Amino acid sequence: MDPNKEVARMRVVVIGGCGHIGTYLVPRLVGAGHDVVVLSRGRQAPYLAHGAWSSVQRLQVDRAAEEQAGTFGRRLQALHPDALIDLICFEPQSARLLVESLRGAIGHLLLCGTIWVHGPSAVVPTTEDQPRRPFDEYGRKKAEIETYLLHEAHQTGFPATILHPGHIVGPGWAPVNPAGHLNPQVFAVLARGQDLALPNLGLETVHHVHADDVARIFVKAMQSRGVALGESFHVVSPAALTLRGYAEAVAGWFGQPARLRFLPWEEWRGTVSPEEAEATWSHIAHSPNCSIAKAQRLLDFRPRYSSLEAVYEAVQSLIARQVIDVPPLSMLAAESTETLRTN
C-alpha cells in the first residue's frame, strides 16, 4: 500500500487522546476524514487548541476503574471501532483485555510502547530486532505487552502494531534536559552562561522525538496497515544526542559558551535532588540511540524535527509561559532550527 495514499473513512477510538501525542494525533485523524472518539479521564485539555476537537466525540472514562469493574471491554465493543489507538496501555492485563474484547471485531489495534523495552544500548543505533533487556518496571511491562501482542498477531492473526517513541517533546511540558532529568531550570542555567555539572563525561545519550512526529507515524501505520500488522517500530528523531553536545547546543542558542563541569556519578548525584538523580540515572543507564530505518523503509517515516529542533520549540514555550526567566531566543537561533520542517 502506498503510505501516502488516503484510506477510507474509519471510526477511530483513541484511548488517552488529550495528552502529549493525542494533542497532535486527534486533529490529524479528523483532518484525514475519520470519525474520532476520544476516551480520557477528562482531567486535562489538549496542549494546543485546534478546531478539529469540535467534531470529536469525547467520553470521560476512568480506565482503571472500569477494567476493575469488568466494564471496559464492553464499552469498547459498544463503540464499534474500525481502528483503536491506545496511548496509555501500561499493564499487560490491559493489553490482554483489549485482545479478548476486540478479537474478530476490529481492523487494527495500534499501541504506544516505548524504546525502554530495550534496556541499555548495546549495538547502536539499536534496531527493533535487538534482544529485549529492560531493567525497570516500566520497560519490563511494556516489553511484556509487546511480546504478547506480537505473539497474538503472528499466531492468531490479531491485527496489532506497536510504536515505540523516545523522549516525547513538545510545547506545554518540560523536555528531558541536558542533565538527563526534567527540571526546566537547567535550560535557564545554560541560557545565562552559568556553570552546569554533568555526570561522568557527558557522553551518555538521550533520544527525543517531537509529539507531532509520533502522531504522524500513527497515521502512517494506519495508512500502511498491510505492512504494519504484526510489527513494532521505533519512533525517534533521526539522531540521538550526547548530554555534552546537547548542553553545548542549548547554550549556543542564547549566544553563550557552555560552561560545563564533569563529575563522577556518586559525586554528581549529590548536586541534585533525589528525584532528579533517579531520572538522570534511568536516562544515562539506558543511553538510547535507536534506528528508524525500519519505519523509514516500511512506513515512509521522515521525522520533521531533529532532537534539537523539537527541544528548541519546547524551550520557546517554557520562555513564553514564564516557566524559565531567560532572554528570548535569538532570531539566528530560530533560523538555525528550520532545516527539517519541509513536509
C-alpha atoms as a PDB file:
ATOM      1  CA  MET A   1       0.000   0.000   0.000  1.00  0.00           C
ATOM      2  CA  ASP A   2       1.244   3.496  -0.801  1.00  0.00           C
ATOM      3  CA  PRO A   3       1.879   5.062   2.645  1.00  0.00           C
ATOM      4  CA  ASN A   4       0.811   8.455   1.329  1.00  0.00           C
ATOM      5  CA  LYS A   5      -2.476   7.178  -0.051  1.00  0.00           C
ATOM      6  CA  GLU A   6      -5.610   8.190   1.819  1.00  0.00           C
ATOM      7  CA  VAL A   7      -7.549   5.385   3.459  1.00  0.00           C
ATOM      8  CA  ALA A   8     -11.303   5.082   3.664  1.00  0.00           C
ATOM      9  CA  ARG A   9     -13.127   6.933   6.409  1.00  0.00           C
ATOM     10  CA  MET A  10     -12.948   4.908   9.598  1.00  0.00           C
ATOM     11  CA  ARG A  11     -14.308   5.077  13.101  1.00  0.00           C
ATOM     12  CA  VAL A  12     -11.163   5.531  15.210  1.00  0.00           C
ATOM     13  CA  VAL A  13     -11.234   5.256  19.006  1.00  0.00           C
ATOM     14  CA  VAL A  14      -8.291   6.841  20.831  1.00  0.00           C
ATOM     15  CA  ILE A  15      -7.647   5.915  24.459  1.00  0.00           C
ATOM     16  CA  GLY A  16      -5.837   8.716  26.282  1.00  0.00           C
ATOM     17  CA  GLY A  17      -6.210  11.196  23.448  1.00  0.00           C
ATOM     18  CA  CYS A  18      -5.763  14.506  25.298  1.00  0.00           C
ATOM     19  CA  GLY A  19      -2.092  14.200  26.250  1.00  0.00           C
ATOM     20  CA  HIS A  20       1.258  14.708  24.555  1.00  0.00           C
ATOM     21  CA  ILE A  21       0.608  12.578  21.471  1.00  0.00           C
ATOM     22  CA  GLY A  22      -3.163  12.992  21.317  1.00  0.00           C
ATOM     23  CA  THR A  23      -2.854  16.778  21.112  1.00  0.00           C
ATOM     24  CA  TYR A  24      -1.420  16.304  17.614  1.00  0.00           C
ATOM     25  CA  LEU A  25      -2.871  12.932  16.661  1.00  0.00           C
ATOM     26  CA  VAL A  26      -6.569  13.679  17.059  1.00  0.00           C
ATOM     27  CA  PRO A  27      -6.558  16.747  14.728  1.00  0.00           C
ATOM     28  CA  ARG A  28      -4.590  14.720  12.171  1.00  0.00           C
ATOM     29  CA  LEU A  29      -7.166  11.922  12.286  1.00  0.00           C
ATOM     30  CA  VAL A  30     -10.025  14.392  11.896  1.00  0.00           C
ATOM     31  CA  GLY A  31      -8.175  16.114   9.060  1.00  0.00           C
ATOM     32  CA  ALA A  32      -7.842  12.756   7.310  1.00  0.00           C
ATOM     33  CA  GLY A  33     -11.636  12.418   7.375  1.00  0.00           C
ATOM     34  CA  HIS A  34     -12.037   9.873  10.164  1.00  0.00           C
ATOM     35  CA  ASP A  35     -14.820   9.694  12.742  1.00  0.00           C
ATOM     36  CA  VAL A  36     -12.912  10.058  16.026  1.00  0.00           C
ATOM     37  CA  VAL A  37     -13.910   9.104  19.569  1.00  0.00           C
ATOM     38  CA  VAL A  38     -11.566  10.033  22.430  1.00  0.00           C
ATOM     39  CA  LEU A  39     -11.646   8.271  25.794  1.00  0.00           C
ATOM     40  CA  SER A  40      -9.915  10.082  28.655  1.00  0.00           C
ATOM     41  CA  ARG A  41     -10.366  10.876  32.324  1.00  0.00           C
ATOM     42  CA  GLY A  42     -11.268  14.437  31.360  1.00  0.00           C
ATOM     43  CA  ARG A  43      -8.687  15.957  33.692  1.00  0.00           C
ATOM     44  CA  GLN A  44      -6.752  17.917  31.090  1.00  0.00           C
ATOM     45  CA  ALA A  45      -7.302  19.746  27.857  1.00  0.00           C
ATOM     46  CA  PRO A  46      -5.076  19.223  24.810  1.00  0.00           C
ATOM     47  CA  TYR A  47      -1.864  21.249  24.972  1.00  0.00           C
ATOM     48  CA  LEU A  48      -2.758  23.165  21.808  1.00  0.00           C
ATOM     49  CA  ALA A  49      -6.190  24.412  20.755  1.00  0.00           C
ATOM     50  CA  HIS A  50      -7.466  23.167  17.400  1.00  0.00           C
ATOM     51  CA  GLY A  51     -10.811  23.477  15.681  1.00  0.00           C
ATOM     52  CA  ALA A  52     -10.865  19.757  14.922  1.00  0.00           C
ATOM     53  CA  TRP A  53     -11.804  18.993  18.517  1.00  0.00           C
ATOM     54  CA  SER A  54     -15.297  20.389  17.932  1.00  0.00           C
ATOM     55  CA  SER A  55     -16.077  17.375  15.743  1.00  0.00           C
ATOM     56  CA  VAL A  56     -14.639  14.774  18.137  1.00  0.00           C
ATOM     57  CA  GLN A  57     -16.797  12.684  20.447  1.00  0.00           C
ATOM     58  CA  ARG A  58     -15.169  12.880  23.871  1.00  0.00           C
ATOM     59  CA  LEU A  59     -16.075  10.397  26.588  1.00  0.00           C
ATOM     60  CA  GLN A  60     -14.941  10.731  30.190  1.00  0.00           C
ATOM     61  CA  VAL A  61     -13.719   7.298  31.257  1.00  0.00           C
ATOM     62  CA  ASP A  62     -11.703   6.030  34.212  1.00  0.00           C
ATOM     63  CA  ARG A  63      -9.981   3.121  32.540  1.00  0.00           C
ATOM     64  CA  ALA A  64      -8.524   1.556  35.673  1.00  0.00           C
ATOM     65  CA  ALA A  65     -11.852   1.654  37.479  1.00  0.00           C
ATOM     66  CA  GLU A  66     -13.742   0.202  34.527  1.00  0.00           C
ATOM     67  CA  GLU A  67     -11.173  -2.548  33.993  1.00  0.00           C
ATOM     68  CA  GLN A  68     -11.503  -3.497  37.640  1.00  0.00           C
ATOM     69  CA  ALA A  69     -15.294  -3.460  37.369  1.00  0.00           C
ATOM     70  CA  GLY A  70     -15.183  -5.571  34.200  1.00  0.00           C
ATOM     71  CA  THR A  71     -16.979  -2.987  32.053  1.00  0.00           C
ATOM     72  CA  PHE A  72     -14.176  -1.512  29.951  1.00  0.00           C
ATOM     73  CA  GLY A  73     -14.180  -4.248  27.322  1.00  0.00           C
ATOM     74  CA  ARG A  74     -17.921  -3.927  26.811  1.00  0.00           C
ATOM     75  CA  ARG A  75     -17.557  -0.157  26.470  1.00  0.00           C
ATOM     76  CA  LEU A  76     -15.014  -0.613  23.679  1.00  0.00           C
ATOM     77  CA  GLN A  77     -17.185  -3.190  21.927  1.00  0.00           C
ATOM     78  CA  ALA A  78     -20.165  -0.821  22.025  1.00  0.00           C
ATOM     79  CA  LEU A  79     -18.157   1.879  20.228  1.00  0.00           C
ATOM     80  CA  HIS A  80     -17.637  -0.438  17.200  1.00  0.00           C
ATOM     81  CA  PRO A  81     -14.191   0.900  16.269  1.00  0.00           C
ATOM     82  CA  ASP A  82     -12.601   0.126  12.934  1.00  0.00           C
ATOM     83  CA  ALA A  83      -9.274   1.062  14.496  1.00  0.00           C
ATOM     84  CA  LEU A  84      -8.288   1.607  18.108  1.00  0.00           C
ATOM     85  CA  ILE A  85      -5.243   3.616  19.171  1.00  0.00           C
ATOM     86  CA  ASP A  86      -4.196   3.018  22.765  1.00  0.00           C
ATOM     87  CA  LEU A  87      -1.768   5.648  24.029  1.00  0.00           C
ATOM     88  CA  ILE A  88      -1.914   4.668  27.716  1.00  0.00           C
ATOM     89  CA  CYS A  89      -1.636   0.892  27.926  1.00  0.00           C
ATOM     90  CA  PHE A  90       0.826   0.317  30.779  1.00  0.00           C
ATOM     91  CA  GLU A  91      -0.256  -3.051  32.167  1.00  0.00           C
ATOM     92  CA  PRO A  92      -0.055  -6.472  30.452  1.00  0.00           C
ATOM     93  CA  GLN A  93      -3.532  -7.350  31.690  1.00  0.00           C
ATOM     94  CA  SER A  94      -4.855  -4.219  29.937  1.00  0.00           C
ATOM     95  CA  ALA A  95      -3.416  -5.461  26.648  1.00  0.00           C
ATOM     96  CA  ARG A  96      -4.955  -8.889  27.159  1.00  0.00           C
ATOM     97  CA  LEU A  97      -8.319  -7.261  27.811  1.00  0.00           C
ATOM     98  CA  LEU A  98      -8.080  -5.360  24.528  1.00  0.00           C
ATOM     99  CA  VAL A  99      -7.421  -8.541  22.582  1.00  0.00           C
ATOM    100  CA  GLU A 100     -10.095 -10.562  24.346  1.00  0.00           C
ATOM    101  CA  SER A 101     -12.675  -7.810  23.878  1.00  0.00           C
ATOM    102  CA  LEU A 102     -11.906  -6.907  20.263  1.00  0.00           C
ATOM    103  CA  ARG A 103     -10.829 -10.167  18.654  1.00  0.00           C
ATOM    104  CA  GLY A 104     -12.651 -10.503  15.353  1.00  0.00           C
ATOM    105  CA  ALA A 105     -14.290  -7.095  15.795  1.00  0.00           C
ATOM    106  CA  ILE A 106     -11.545  -4.639  14.838  1.00  0.00           C
ATOM    107  CA  GLY A 107      -9.379  -3.967  11.817  1.00  0.00           C
ATOM    108  CA  HIS A 108      -6.339  -2.511  13.562  1.00  0.00           C
ATOM    109  CA  LEU A 109      -5.056  -2.015  17.106  1.00  0.00           C
ATOM    110  CA  LEU A 110      -2.190   0.457  17.361  1.00  0.00           C
ATOM    111  CA  LEU A 111      -0.496   0.652  20.742  1.00  0.00           C
ATOM    112  CA  CYS A 112       2.051   3.086  22.123  1.00  0.00           C
ATOM    113  CA  GLY A 113       5.101   1.348  23.561  1.00  0.00           C
ATOM    114  CA  THR A 114       8.494   2.799  24.483  1.00  0.00           C
ATOM    115  CA  ILE A 115      12.151   2.444  23.494  1.00  0.00           C
ATOM    116  CA  TRP A 116      12.661   1.470  27.164  1.00  0.00           C
ATOM    117  CA  VAL A 117      11.778  -2.103  26.115  1.00  0.00           C
ATOM    118  CA  HIS A 118      15.420  -2.433  25.048  1.00  0.00           C
ATOM    119  CA  GLY A 119      17.092  -1.651  28.335  1.00  0.00           C
ATOM    120  CA  PRO A 120      20.688  -0.430  27.961  1.00  0.00           C
ATOM    121  CA  SER A 121      22.040   0.129  24.476  1.00  0.00           C
ATOM    122  CA  ALA A 122      24.498  -2.447  23.182  1.00  0.00           C
ATOM    123  CA  VAL A 123      24.928  -2.202  19.403  1.00  0.00           C
ATOM    124  CA  VAL A 124      23.928   1.268  18.222  1.00  0.00           C
ATOM    125  CA  PRO A 125      21.881   2.513  16.606  1.00  0.00           C
ATOM    126  CA  THR A 126      19.598  -0.078  18.179  1.00  0.00           C
ATOM    127  CA  THR A 127      17.218  -1.819  15.781  1.00  0.00           C
ATOM    128  CA  GLU A 128      13.839  -3.341  16.580  1.00  0.00           C
ATOM    129  CA  ASP A 129      15.194  -6.896  16.326  1.00  0.00           C
ATOM    130  CA  GLN A 130      17.715  -6.445  19.157  1.00  0.00           C
ATOM    131  CA  PRO A 131      17.111  -8.548  22.296  1.00  0.00           C
ATOM    132  CA  ARG A 132      14.848  -7.057  24.939  1.00  0.00           C
ATOM    133  CA  ARG A 133      16.719  -6.439  28.218  1.00  0.00           C
ATOM    134  CA  PRO A 134      14.514  -4.000  30.155  1.00  0.00           C
ATOM    135  CA  PHE A 135      15.698  -3.314  33.690  1.00  0.00           C
ATOM    136  CA  ASP A 136      12.955  -1.136  35.173  1.00  0.00           C
ATOM    137  CA  GLU A 137       9.307  -1.916  35.835  1.00  0.00           C
ATOM    138  CA  TYR A 138       8.030   0.395  33.098  1.00  0.00           C
ATOM    139  CA  GLY A 139      10.250  -1.155  30.454  1.00  0.00           C
ATOM    140  CA  ARG A 140       9.550  -4.715  31.603  1.00  0.00           C
ATOM    141  CA  LYS A 141       5.789  -4.238  31.440  1.00  0.00           C
ATOM    142  CA  LYS A 142       5.958  -2.586  28.024  1.00  0.00           C
ATOM    143  CA  ALA A 143       8.181  -5.396  26.751  1.00  0.00           C
ATOM    144  CA  GLU A 144       5.719  -7.987  28.074  1.00  0.00           C
ATOM    145  CA  ILE A 145       2.882  -6.155  26.330  1.00  0.00           C
ATOM    146  CA  GLU A 146       4.847  -6.085  23.069  1.00  0.00           C
ATOM    147  CA  THR A 147       5.703  -9.791  23.276  1.00  0.00           C
ATOM    148  CA  TYR A 148       2.086 -10.695  23.931  1.00  0.00           C
ATOM    149  CA  LEU A 149       0.625  -8.571  21.128  1.00  0.00           C
ATOM    150  CA  LEU A 150       3.167  -9.686  18.532  1.00  0.00           C
ATOM    151  CA  HIS A 151       2.551 -13.316  19.505  1.00  0.00           C
ATOM    152  CA  GLU A 152      -1.185 -12.787  19.045  1.00  0.00           C
ATOM    153  CA  ALA A 153      -0.558 -11.100  15.702  1.00  0.00           C
ATOM    154  CA  HIS A 154       1.698 -13.849  14.373  1.00  0.00           C
ATOM    155  CA  GLN A 155      -0.106 -16.852  15.852  1.00  0.00           C
ATOM    156  CA  THR A 156      -3.786 -15.858  15.743  1.00  0.00           C
ATOM    157  CA  GLY A 157      -3.867 -13.021  13.220  1.00  0.00           C
ATOM    158  CA  PHE A 158      -4.906 -10.349  15.708  1.00  0.00           C
ATOM    159  CA  PRO A 159      -4.272  -7.041  13.876  1.00  0.00           C
ATOM    160  CA  ALA A 160      -1.782  -5.303  16.159  1.00  0.00           C
ATOM    161  CA  THR A 161       1.033  -2.770  15.652  1.00  0.00           C
ATOM    162  CA  ILE A 162       3.314  -1.331  18.359  1.00  0.00           C
ATOM    163  CA  LEU A 163       5.031   2.040  18.050  1.00  0.00           C
ATOM    164  CA  HIS A 164       7.923   2.787  20.421  1.00  0.00           C
ATOM    165  CA  PRO A 165       8.590   6.521  20.999  1.00  0.00           C
ATOM    166  CA  GLY A 166      11.685   8.006  22.563  1.00  0.00           C
ATOM    167  CA  HIS A 167      11.618  11.044  24.897  1.00  0.00           C
ATOM    168  CA  ILE A 168       8.500  12.862  23.688  1.00  0.00           C
ATOM    169  CA  VAL A 169       8.948  16.617  23.298  1.00  0.00           C
ATOM    170  CA  GLY A 170       6.545  19.454  22.552  1.00  0.00           C
ATOM    171  CA  PRO A 171       5.328  22.837  23.731  1.00  0.00           C
ATOM    172  CA  GLY A 172       3.499  22.693  27.029  1.00  0.00           C
ATOM    173  CA  TRP A 173       5.721  20.421  29.109  1.00  0.00           C
ATOM    174  CA  ALA A 174       9.358  20.183  30.130  1.00  0.00           C
ATOM    175  CA  PRO A 175      11.627  18.061  27.927  1.00  0.00           C
ATOM    176  CA  VAL A 176      14.367  15.767  29.160  1.00  0.00           C
ATOM    177  CA  ASN A 177      17.163  18.300  29.622  1.00  0.00           C
ATOM    178  CA  PRO A 178      20.950  18.152  29.040  1.00  0.00           C
ATOM    179  CA  ALA A 179      21.487  16.896  32.602  1.00  0.00           C
ATOM    180  CA  GLY A 180      19.171  13.951  31.918  1.00  0.00           C
ATOM    181  CA  HIS A 181      16.249  14.957  34.133  1.00  0.00           C
ATOM    182  CA  LEU A 182      13.145  17.156  33.849  1.00  0.00           C
ATOM    183  CA  ASN A 183      13.953  20.320  35.812  1.00  0.00           C
ATOM    184  CA  PRO A 184      13.496  23.139  33.247  1.00  0.00           C
ATOM    185  CA  GLN A 185      15.880  25.400  35.175  1.00  0.00           C
ATOM    186  CA  VAL A 186      18.774  23.573  33.525  1.00  0.00           C
ATOM    187  CA  PHE A 187      17.877  25.473  30.359  1.00  0.00           C
ATOM    188  CA  ALA A 188      17.986  28.743  32.314  1.00  0.00           C
ATOM    189  CA  VAL A 189      21.446  27.911  33.675  1.00  0.00           C
ATOM    190  CA  LEU A 190      22.756  27.370  30.154  1.00  0.00           C
ATOM    191  CA  ALA A 191      20.985  30.469  28.829  1.00  0.00           C
ATOM    192  CA  ARG A 192      22.723  32.628  31.449  1.00  0.00           C
ATOM    193  CA  GLY A 193      26.150  31.174  30.764  1.00  0.00           C
ATOM    194  CA  GLN A 194      26.370  29.697  34.265  1.00  0.00           C
ATOM    195  CA  ASP A 195      28.219  26.542  35.267  1.00  0.00           C
ATOM    196  CA  LEU A 196      26.409  23.248  34.751  1.00  0.00           C
ATOM    197  CA  ALA A 197      27.631  19.967  36.191  1.00  0.00           C
ATOM    198  CA  LEU A 198      27.075  16.830  34.132  1.00  0.00           C
ATOM    199  CA  PRO A 199      27.549  13.237  35.263  1.00  0.00           C
ATOM    200  CA  ASN A 200      30.633  11.308  34.172  1.00  0.00           C
ATOM    201  CA  LEU A 201      31.990  12.689  30.887  1.00  0.00           C
ATOM    202  CA  GLY A 202      28.643  13.832  29.471  1.00  0.00           C
ATOM    203  CA  LEU A 203      28.861  11.244  26.706  1.00  0.00           C
ATOM    204  CA  GLU A 204      25.733   9.236  27.547  1.00  0.00           C
ATOM    205  CA  THR A 205      22.839   9.777  25.159  1.00  0.00           C
ATOM    206  CA  VAL A 206      19.192  10.781  25.086  1.00  0.00           C
ATOM    207  CA  HIS A 207      16.897  10.349  22.101  1.00  0.00           C
ATOM    208  CA  HIS A 208      13.990  12.764  21.704  1.00  0.00           C
ATOM    209  CA  VAL A 209      11.064  12.848  19.313  1.00  0.00           C
ATOM    210  CA  HIS A 210       8.518  15.594  18.709  1.00  0.00           C
ATOM    211  CA  ALA A 211       4.971  14.641  19.707  1.00  0.00           C
ATOM    212  CA  ASP A 212       3.737  15.579  16.243  1.00  0.00           C
ATOM    213  CA  ASP A 213       6.172  13.153  14.621  1.00  0.00           C
ATOM    214  CA  VAL A 214       4.762  10.445  16.891  1.00  0.00           C
ATOM    215  CA  ALA A 215       1.254  11.423  15.798  1.00  0.00           C
ATOM    216  CA  ARG A 216       2.293  11.302  12.147  1.00  0.00           C
ATOM    217  CA  ILE A 217       3.629   7.768  12.372  1.00  0.00           C
ATOM    218  CA  PHE A 218       0.428   6.507  13.997  1.00  0.00           C
ATOM    219  CA  VAL A 219      -1.449   7.853  10.976  1.00  0.00           C
ATOM    220  CA  LYS A 220       1.132   6.380   8.591  1.00  0.00           C
ATOM    221  CA  ALA A 221       0.852   2.983  10.270  1.00  0.00           C
ATOM    222  CA  MET A 222      -2.919   3.109   9.764  1.00  0.00           C
ATOM    223  CA  GLN A 223      -2.416   4.028   6.117  1.00  0.00           C
ATOM    224  CA  SER A 224       0.143   1.226   5.686  1.00  0.00           C
ATOM    225  CA  ARG A 225      -1.827  -1.377   7.600  1.00  0.00           C
ATOM    226  CA  GLY A 226      -0.723  -4.237   5.351  1.00  0.00           C
ATOM    227  CA  VAL A 227       2.950  -3.857   6.243  1.00  0.00           C
ATOM    228  CA  ALA A 228       2.412  -2.576   9.802  1.00  0.00           C
ATOM    229  CA  LEU A 229       0.429  -5.536  11.163  1.00  0.00           C
ATOM    230  CA  GLY A 230       2.438  -7.737  13.482  1.00  0.00           C
ATOM    231  CA  GLU A 231       5.335  -5.265  13.621  1.00  0.00           C
ATOM    232  CA  SER A 232       6.904  -2.865  16.098  1.00  0.00           C
ATOM    233  CA  PHE A 233       8.657   0.358  15.107  1.00  0.00           C
ATOM    234  CA  HIS A 234      10.930   2.875  16.790  1.00  0.00           C
ATOM    235  CA  VAL A 235       9.665   6.449  16.718  1.00  0.00           C
ATOM    236  CA  VAL A 236      12.534   8.826  17.389  1.00  0.00           C
ATOM    237  CA  SER A 237      14.323  11.740  15.757  1.00  0.00           C
ATOM    238  CA  PRO A 238      16.985  10.964  13.139  1.00  0.00           C
ATOM    239  CA  ALA A 239      19.806  11.028  15.729  1.00  0.00           C
ATOM    240  CA  ALA A 240      20.379  10.843  19.479  1.00  0.00           C
ATOM    241  CA  LEU A 241      22.270  13.499  21.454  1.00  0.00           C
ATOM    242  CA  THR A 242      25.087  13.199  23.963  1.00  0.00           C
ATOM    243  CA  LEU A 243      24.432  15.176  27.133  1.00  0.00           C
ATOM    244  CA  ARG A 244      27.524  17.259  26.411  1.00  0.00           C
ATOM    245  CA  GLY A 245      26.574  18.037  22.814  1.00  0.00           C
ATOM    246  CA  TYR A 246      23.026  18.816  23.884  1.00  0.00           C
ATOM    247  CA  ALA A 247      24.215  21.277  26.547  1.00  0.00           C
ATOM    248  CA  GLU A 248      26.596  22.991  24.139  1.00  0.00           C
ATOM    249  CA  ALA A 249      23.828  23.446  21.565  1.00  0.00           C
ATOM    250  CA  VAL A 250      21.351  24.896  24.081  1.00  0.00           C
ATOM    251  CA  ALA A 251      23.908  27.381  25.411  1.00  0.00           C
ATOM    252  CA  GLY A 252      24.657  28.404  21.838  1.00  0.00           C
ATOM    253  CA  TRP A 253      21.006  29.269  21.232  1.00  0.00           C
ATOM    254  CA  PHE A 254      21.451  32.083  23.747  1.00  0.00           C
ATOM    255  CA  GLY A 255      24.848  33.170  22.466  1.00  0.00           C
ATOM    256  CA  GLN A 256      26.600  31.649  25.474  1.00  0.00           C
ATOM    257  CA  PRO A 257      29.509  29.256  25.832  1.00  0.00           C
ATOM    258  CA  ALA A 258      28.650  26.020  27.620  1.00  0.00           C
ATOM    259  CA  ARG A 259      30.431  26.180  30.990  1.00  0.00           C
ATOM    260  CA  LEU A 260      30.414  22.502  31.849  1.00  0.00           C
ATOM    261  CA  ARG A 261      31.902  20.546  34.732  1.00  0.00           C
ATOM    262  CA  PHE A 262      32.085  16.764  34.744  1.00  0.00           C
ATOM    263  CA  LEU A 263      31.731  14.842  37.987  1.00  0.00           C
ATOM    264  CA  PRO A 264      31.806  11.125  38.816  1.00  0.00           C
ATOM    265  CA  TRP A 265      28.295   9.772  39.259  1.00  0.00           C
ATOM    266  CA  GLU A 266      28.389   9.409  43.037  1.00  0.00           C
ATOM    267  CA  GLU A 267      29.608  12.987  43.394  1.00  0.00           C
ATOM    268  CA  TRP A 268      27.244  14.380  40.767  1.00  0.00           C
ATOM    269  CA  ARG A 269      24.119  12.821  42.285  1.00  0.00           C
ATOM    270  CA  GLY A 270      24.723  14.849  45.435  1.00  0.00           C
ATOM    271  CA  THR A 271      24.348  18.099  43.470  1.00  0.00           C
ATOM    272  CA  VAL A 272      20.697  17.483  42.555  1.00  0.00           C
ATOM    273  CA  SER A 273      17.513  16.296  44.249  1.00  0.00           C
ATOM    274  CA  PRO A 274      16.905  12.552  44.716  1.00  0.00           C
ATOM    275  CA  GLU A 275      14.115  12.724  42.120  1.00  0.00           C
ATOM    276  CA  GLU A 276      16.389  14.376  39.578  1.00  0.00           C
ATOM    277  CA  ALA A 277      19.174  11.878  40.269  1.00  0.00           C
ATOM    278  CA  GLU A 278      16.763   8.972  39.781  1.00  0.00           C
ATOM    279  CA  ALA A 279      15.546  10.373  36.447  1.00  0.00           C
ATOM    280  CA  THR A 280      19.083  11.016  35.203  1.00  0.00           C
ATOM    281  CA  TRP A 281      20.239   7.556  36.213  1.00  0.00           C
ATOM    282  CA  SER A 282      17.382   5.987  34.265  1.00  0.00           C
ATOM    283  CA  HIS A 283      18.246   8.007  31.176  1.00  0.00           C
ATOM    284  CA  ILE A 284      22.007   7.506  31.207  1.00  0.00           C
ATOM    285  CA  ALA A 285      21.751   3.830  32.162  1.00  0.00           C
ATOM    286  CA  HIS A 286      19.650   3.327  29.038  1.00  0.00           C
ATOM    287  CA  SER A 287      21.601   5.804  26.869  1.00  0.00           C
ATOM    288  CA  PRO A 288      19.159   5.204  23.991  1.00  0.00           C
ATOM    289  CA  ASN A 289      20.313   5.538  20.406  1.00  0.00           C
ATOM    290  CA  CYS A 290      17.650   3.946  18.208  1.00  0.00           C
ATOM    291  CA  SER A 291      17.379   3.346  14.489  1.00  0.00           C
ATOM    292  CA  ILE A 292      14.356   4.447  12.464  1.00  0.00           C
ATOM    293  CA  ALA A 293      15.484   2.618   9.307  1.00  0.00           C
ATOM    294  CA  LYS A 294      12.623   0.116   9.581  1.00  0.00           C
ATOM    295  CA  ALA A 295       9.991   2.840   9.929  1.00  0.00           C
ATOM    296  CA  GLN A 296      11.555   4.749   7.042  1.00  0.00           C
ATOM    297  CA  ARG A 297      11.524   1.673   4.822  1.00  0.00           C
ATOM    298  CA  LEU A 298       8.074   0.290   5.623  1.00  0.00           C
ATOM    299  CA  LEU A 299       6.079   3.359   6.700  1.00  0.00           C
ATOM    300  CA  ASP A 300       7.894   6.141   4.838  1.00  0.00           C
ATOM    301  CA  PHE A 301       8.530   7.811   8.198  1.00  0.00           C
ATOM    302  CA  ARG A 302      10.534  11.005   7.762  1.00  0.00           C
ATOM    303  CA  PRO A 303      10.630  12.967  11.042  1.00  0.00           C
ATOM    304  CA  ARG A 304      10.036  16.676  10.597  1.00  0.00           C
ATOM    305  CA  TYR A 305      12.085  17.510  13.683  1.00  0.00           C
ATOM    306  CA  SER A 306      15.609  16.705  14.761  1.00  0.00           C
ATOM    307  CA  SER A 307      16.107  16.271  18.502  1.00  0.00           C
ATOM    308  CA  LEU A 308      17.407  19.832  18.862  1.00  0.00           C
ATOM    309  CA  GLU A 309      14.611  21.311  16.761  1.00  0.00           C
ATOM    310  CA  ALA A 310      12.000  19.572  18.891  1.00  0.00           C
ATOM    311  CA  VAL A 311      13.619  20.740  22.124  1.00  0.00           C
ATOM    312  CA  TYR A 312      14.032  24.269  20.757  1.00  0.00           C
ATOM    313  CA  GLU A 313      10.269  24.536  20.244  1.00  0.00           C
ATOM    314  CA  ALA A 314       9.645  23.251  23.766  1.00  0.00           C
ATOM    315  CA  VAL A 315      12.103  25.740  25.263  1.00  0.00           C
ATOM    316  CA  GLN A 316      10.403  28.572  23.379  1.00  0.00           C
ATOM    317  CA  SER A 317       7.191  27.518  25.111  1.00  0.00           C
ATOM    318  CA  LEU A 318       8.896  27.426  28.523  1.00  0.00           C
ATOM    319  CA  ILE A 319      10.046  31.012  27.975  1.00  0.00           C
ATOM    320  CA  ALA A 320       6.664  32.209  26.687  1.00  0.00           C
ATOM    321  CA  ARG A 321       4.873  30.690  29.687  1.00  0.00           C
ATOM    322  CA  GLN A 322       7.488  32.187  32.051  1.00  0.00           C
ATOM    323  CA  VAL A 323       8.457  28.778  33.379  1.00  0.00           C
ATOM    324  CA  ILE A 324      12.053  29.915  32.970  1.00  0.00           C
ATOM    325  CA  ASP A 325      13.180  33.536  33.177  1.00  0.00           C
ATOM    326  CA  VAL A 326      15.729  33.992  30.391  1.00  0.00           C
ATOM    327  CA  PRO A 327      16.259  36.298  27.417  1.00  0.00           C
ATOM    328  CA  PRO A 328      14.284  35.434  24.275  1.00  0.00           C
ATOM    329  CA  LEU A 329      15.968  33.077  21.846  1.00  0.00           C
ATOM    330  CA  SER A 330      17.742  34.952  19.077  1.00  0.00           C
ATOM    331  CA  MET A 331      16.492  35.112  15.510  1.00  0.00           C
ATOM    332  CA  LEU A 332      19.735  33.459  14.424  1.00  0.00           C
ATOM    333  CA  ALA A 333      18.994  30.500  16.672  1.00  0.00           C
ATOM    334  CA  ALA A 334      15.411  30.398  15.398  1.00  0.00           C
ATOM    335  CA  GLU A 335      16.570  30.332  11.793  1.00  0.00           C
ATOM    336  CA  SER A 336      19.011  27.520  12.553  1.00  0.00           C
ATOM    337  CA  THR A 337      16.185  25.179  13.570  1.00  0.00           C
ATOM    338  CA  GLU A 338      14.191  25.333  10.351  1.00  0.00           C
ATOM    339  CA  THR A 339      16.197  22.896   8.274  1.00  0.00           C
ATOM    340  CA  LEU A 340      13.998  19.790   8.530  1.00  0.00           C
ATOM    341  CA  ARG A 341      10.434  21.149   8.642  1.00  0.00           C
ATOM    342  CA  THR A 342       9.662  20.588   4.984  1.00  0.00           C
ATOM    343  CA  ASN A 343       6.541  18.384   4.972  1.00  0.00           C
END
